[in-house]
Amino acid sequence: LESVRLLEKTHEPWGLCVNLNRLASLCVEQGELSVAWQYYRRVLELASRMDLPAETLEAVIGMAEVLLHQGQPERAVALLAFGLAHPATAMQTKETGMMLLGKLEDQVSPEIFEATCQRGRASELHDVVNSILGETQSGRDGEP
């Protein structure tokens, strides 16, 4: 949290996104899913505005993990398939995404899983970001 506060003062977007992603991941591990979602949302807002695709994609994969924990496997599959297919996704982020996607294969029927993966792989980064940011601004108060 202190790193985030300092980086907000220095207006250093890359470091802020990296630290927000780490903070969100820690919140997921602690079961603070709503707080994690808010941190990931801040990353999406900042990283997409500053053209930081790797950080944006890390947040998307993180949001998929939040959705997995909240019992929304189809939405999680779509985000994971998108993130895994995007060329700007960092290798470590892809490894996390593959592990999460493996957990979801048994939670969704094979037909829905494949169709959702195809839909996710066909998505565009700006469309995914705008969809997530739009739904959280439409009265859902940041909840996935």
Protein backbone atom coordinates (compact mmCIF):
# COMPACT_ATOMS: atom_id res chain seq x y z
CA LEU A 1 0.00 0.00 0.00
CA GLU A 2 2.85 2.37 0.78
CA SER A 3 4.41 1.72 -2.64
CA VAL A 4 1.08 2.49 -4.29
CA ARG A 5 0.80 5.75 -2.32
CA LEU A 6 4.32 6.82 -3.30
CA LEU A 7 3.83 5.91 -6.95
CA GLU A 8 0.56 7.83 -7.07
CA LYS A 9 2.45 10.92 -5.92
CA THR A 10 5.20 10.49 -8.50
CA HIS A 11 2.74 9.82 -11.35
CA GLU A 12 4.70 6.80 -12.54
CA PRO A 13 2.05 4.69 -14.31
CA TRP A 14 4.01 1.52 -15.04
CA GLY A 15 5.20 1.04 -11.45
CA LEU A 16 1.76 1.91 -10.14
CA CYS A 17 0.13 -0.71 -12.37
CA VAL A 18 2.68 -3.35 -11.36
CA ASN A 19 2.12 -2.66 -7.66
CA LEU A 20 -1.67 -2.51 -7.99
CA ASN A 21 -1.64 -5.88 -9.77
CA ARG A 22 0.48 -7.34 -6.96
CA LEU A 23 -1.76 -5.83 -4.30
CA ALA A 24 -4.87 -7.20 -6.03
CA SER A 25 -3.31 -10.66 -6.24
CA LEU A 26 -2.60 -10.56 -2.50
CA CYS A 27 -6.20 -9.56 -1.86
CA VAL A 28 -7.39 -12.58 -3.86
CA GLU A 29 -5.17 -14.84 -1.73
CA GLN A 30 -6.70 -13.29 1.40
CA GLY A 31 -10.23 -13.80 0.08
CA GLU A 32 -10.86 -10.05 -0.28
CA LEU A 33 -12.36 -10.44 -3.73
CA SER A 34 -14.25 -7.16 -3.91
CA VAL A 35 -11.15 -5.19 -2.94
CA ALA A 36 -9.07 -7.15 -5.45
CA TRP A 37 -11.61 -6.36 -8.18
CA GLN A 38 -11.32 -2.64 -7.41
CA TYR A 39 -7.51 -2.72 -7.63
CA TYR A 40 -7.64 -4.64 -10.91
CA ARG A 41 -10.18 -2.12 -12.19
CA ARG A 42 -7.79 0.73 -11.38
CA VAL A 43 -5.09 -1.08 -13.35
CA LEU A 44 -7.41 -1.40 -16.34
CA GLU A 45 -8.24 2.30 -16.23
CA LEU A 46 -4.64 3.43 -15.93
CA ALA A 47 -2.86 0.82 -18.06
CA SER A 48 -5.27 1.10 -20.96
CA ARG A 49 -5.01 4.89 -20.90
CA MET A 50 -1.19 4.77 -20.76
CA ASP A 51 -0.90 1.98 -23.36
CA LEU A 52 0.57 -0.67 -21.06
CA PRO A 53 -0.87 -3.87 -22.57
CA ALA A 54 1.10 -6.39 -20.48
CA GLU A 55 -0.12 -4.80 -17.26
CA THR A 56 -3.66 -4.58 -18.62
CA LEU A 57 -3.58 -8.27 -19.51
CA GLU A 58 -2.22 -9.23 -16.09
CA ALA A 59 -5.21 -7.45 -14.55
CA VAL A 60 -7.59 -9.26 -16.93
CA ILE A 61 -6.16 -12.63 -15.89
CA GLY A 62 -6.44 -11.56 -12.24
CA MET A 63 -10.06 -10.59 -12.74
CA ALA A 64 -10.71 -14.02 -14.22
CA GLU A 65 -9.39 -15.53 -10.98
CA VAL A 66 -11.79 -13.36 -8.98
CA LEU A 67 -14.65 -14.57 -11.19
CA LEU A 68 -13.54 -18.18 -10.68
CA HIS A 69 -13.68 -17.73 -6.90
CA GLN A 70 -17.11 -16.12 -7.20
CA GLY A 71 -18.58 -19.04 -9.13
CA GLN A 72 -18.69 -17.41 -12.56
CA PRO A 73 -16.73 -19.97 -14.59
CA GLU A 74 -17.96 -19.00 -18.08
CA ARG A 75 -16.94 -15.36 -17.67
CA ALA A 76 -13.60 -16.50 -16.24
CA VAL A 77 -13.01 -18.85 -19.20
CA ALA A 78 -13.67 -16.05 -21.70
CA LEU A 79 -11.19 -13.69 -20.00
CA LEU A 80 -8.56 -16.40 -19.63
CA ALA A 81 -8.84 -17.52 -23.26
CA PHE A 82 -8.53 -13.90 -24.35
CA GLY A 83 -5.49 -13.25 -22.14
CA LEU A 84 -3.75 -16.46 -23.17
CA ALA A 85 -4.24 -15.71 -26.87
CA HIS A 86 -3.01 -12.11 -26.73
CA PRO A 87 0.59 -11.68 -27.91
CA ALA A 88 1.39 -9.01 -25.28
CA THR A 89 0.64 -11.29 -22.33
CA ALA A 90 3.79 -11.91 -20.29
CA MET A 91 4.95 -15.53 -19.91
CA GLN A 92 4.42 -15.58 -16.13
CA THR A 93 0.89 -14.22 -16.63
CA LYS A 94 0.24 -16.91 -19.25
CA GLU A 95 1.40 -19.60 -16.84
CA THR A 96 -1.05 -18.34 -14.24
CA GLY A 97 -3.80 -18.19 -16.86
CA MET A 98 -3.15 -21.74 -18.05
CA MET A 99 -3.29 -23.04 -14.48
CA LEU A 100 -6.60 -21.25 -13.87
CA LEU A 101 -8.06 -22.41 -17.18
CA GLY A 102 -7.16 -25.99 -16.26
CA LYS A 103 -9.19 -25.63 -13.05
CA LEU A 104 -12.21 -24.47 -15.07
CA GLU A 105 -12.36 -27.30 -17.60
CA ASP A 106 -14.34 -29.48 -15.20
CA GLN A 107 -16.71 -26.67 -14.20
CA VAL A 108 -18.14 -25.98 -17.66
CA SER A 109 -19.51 -28.42 -20.23
CA PRO A 110 -17.04 -29.17 -23.05
CA GLU A 111 -19.26 -27.49 -25.65
CA ILE A 112 -19.67 -24.30 -23.65
CA PHE A 113 -16.00 -24.34 -22.67
CA GLU A 114 -14.86 -24.49 -26.30
CA ALA A 115 -17.37 -21.92 -27.54
CA THR A 116 -16.43 -19.56 -24.71
CA CYS A 117 -12.73 -20.02 -25.43
CA GLN A 118 -13.29 -19.24 -29.11
CA ARG A 119 -15.24 -16.11 -28.21
CA GLY A 120 -12.52 -15.04 -25.79
CA ARG A 121 -9.70 -15.62 -28.29
CA ALA A 122 -11.54 -13.55 -30.90
CA SER A 123 -11.91 -10.52 -28.63
CA GLU A 124 -9.95 -7.28 -28.87
CA LEU A 125 -8.14 -5.72 -25.91
CA HIS A 126 -10.00 -2.40 -26.00
CA ASP A 127 -13.36 -4.20 -26.24
CA VAL A 128 -12.60 -6.39 -23.21
CA VAL A 129 -11.40 -3.41 -21.16
CA ASN A 130 -14.37 -1.26 -22.18
CA SER A 131 -16.78 -4.08 -21.40
CA ILE A 132 -15.38 -4.57 -17.90
CA LEU A 133 -15.16 -0.87 -17.15
CA GLY A 134 -18.61 -0.24 -18.62
CA GLU A 135 -20.29 -2.92 -16.54
CA THR A 136 -18.70 -1.69 -13.34
CA GLN A 137 -19.87 1.85 -14.06
CA SER A 138 -23.43 0.81 -14.87
CA GLY A 139 -24.58 0.59 -11.30
CA ARG A 140 -22.86 -2.55 -10.15
CA ASP A 141 -20.48 -0.52 -7.96
CA GLY A 142 -17.35 -2.34 -9.04
CA GLU A 143 -18.59 -5.82 -8.39
CA PRO A 144 -17.84 -8.42 -11.06
